[in-house]
C-alpha cells in the first residue's frame, strides 16, 4: 500500500514555486520539500487544508492511493 504525493504536479499546474507555497501556507521549505518528495510519514488536516486553499484544489488532487499488491 502506497500513498503517492502529487504536490509537485499541482504546483506546476498552478505555476507556483515552493517558496511561494511556503509563504502562503506558513510552512518551512524543508517541511514542504519532505512532503513534495513523498518522504513525509504524516500530514495534518490543517496543513492539507491550507495547501488545498493555496493551490485551489481538492485533497485528492494532491494525495493518491496505489495498491502495491496488483
Protein backbone atom coordinates (compact mmCIF):
# COMPACT_ATOMS: atom_id res chain seq x y z
CA UNK A 1 0.00 0.00 0.00
CA UNK A 2 1.39 3.36 -1.00
CA UNK A 3 0.22 6.93 -0.79
CA UNK A 4 1.59 8.99 -3.66
CA UNK A 5 2.01 12.72 -3.15
CA UNK A 6 1.34 14.75 -6.29
CA UNK A 7 2.14 18.13 -4.76
CA UNK A 8 4.74 18.91 -7.43
CA UNK A 9 2.17 18.22 -10.17
CA UNK A 10 -0.37 20.62 -8.64
CA UNK A 11 2.29 23.26 -8.06
CA UNK A 12 3.32 23.02 -11.73
CA UNK A 13 -0.31 23.27 -12.88
CA UNK A 14 -0.75 26.41 -10.77
CA UNK A 15 2.70 27.74 -11.75
CA UNK A 16 3.59 28.17 -8.09
CA UNK A 17 7.09 27.80 -6.66
CA UNK A 18 7.95 26.02 -3.43
CA UNK A 19 8.94 29.39 -1.93
CA UNK A 20 5.59 30.94 -2.82
CA UNK A 21 3.61 27.99 -1.46
CA UNK A 22 5.73 28.01 1.70
CA UNK A 23 4.79 31.64 2.34
CA UNK A 24 1.09 31.08 1.60
CA UNK A 25 0.70 28.06 3.90
CA UNK A 26 3.19 29.21 6.55
CA UNK A 27 5.35 26.07 6.40
CA UNK A 28 9.11 25.84 6.20
CA UNK A 29 10.71 25.00 2.87
CA UNK A 30 12.22 21.85 4.36
CA UNK A 31 8.83 20.55 5.57
CA UNK A 32 7.21 21.27 2.21
CA UNK A 33 10.13 19.63 0.43
CA UNK A 34 9.74 16.48 2.53
CA UNK A 35 6.06 16.38 1.63
CA UNK A 36 6.72 17.13 -2.05
CA UNK A 37 9.24 14.30 -2.39
CA UNK A 38 6.87 11.79 -0.76
CA UNK A 39 9.11 11.23 2.26
CA UNK A 40 6.57 12.53 4.80
CA UNK A 41 5.10 9.96 7.18
CA UNK A 42 2.03 12.08 8.00
CA UNK A 43 0.26 15.33 7.21
CA UNK A 44 -2.06 17.34 9.41
CA UNK A 45 -5.51 18.08 8.07
CA UNK A 46 -4.91 21.77 8.78
CA UNK A 47 -1.78 21.66 6.60
CA UNK A 48 -3.59 19.78 3.84
CA UNK A 49 -6.43 22.31 4.03
CA UNK A 50 -4.00 25.24 3.75
CA UNK A 51 -2.25 23.66 0.75
CA UNK A 52 -5.57 22.96 -0.98
CA UNK A 53 -6.70 26.53 -0.35
CA UNK A 54 -3.45 27.98 -1.72
CA UNK A 55 -3.47 25.73 -4.80
CA UNK A 56 -7.26 25.88 -5.27
CA UNK A 57 -7.58 22.11 -5.44
CA UNK A 58 -9.03 19.10 -3.62
CA UNK A 59 -7.10 16.74 -1.29
CA UNK A 60 -7.47 14.01 -3.93
CA UNK A 61 -5.54 16.19 -6.37
CA UNK A 62 -2.54 16.01 -4.02
CA UNK A 63 -2.82 12.54 -2.47
CA UNK A 64 -3.33 9.30 -4.38
CA UNK A 65 -3.60 5.70 -3.18
CA UNK A 66 -1.78 2.99 -5.10
CA UNK A 67 -2.31 -0.68 -4.32
CA UNK A 68 1.09 -2.43 -4.43
CA UNK A 69 -0.48 -5.91 -4.44
CA UNK A 70 -1.76 -5.92 -8.01
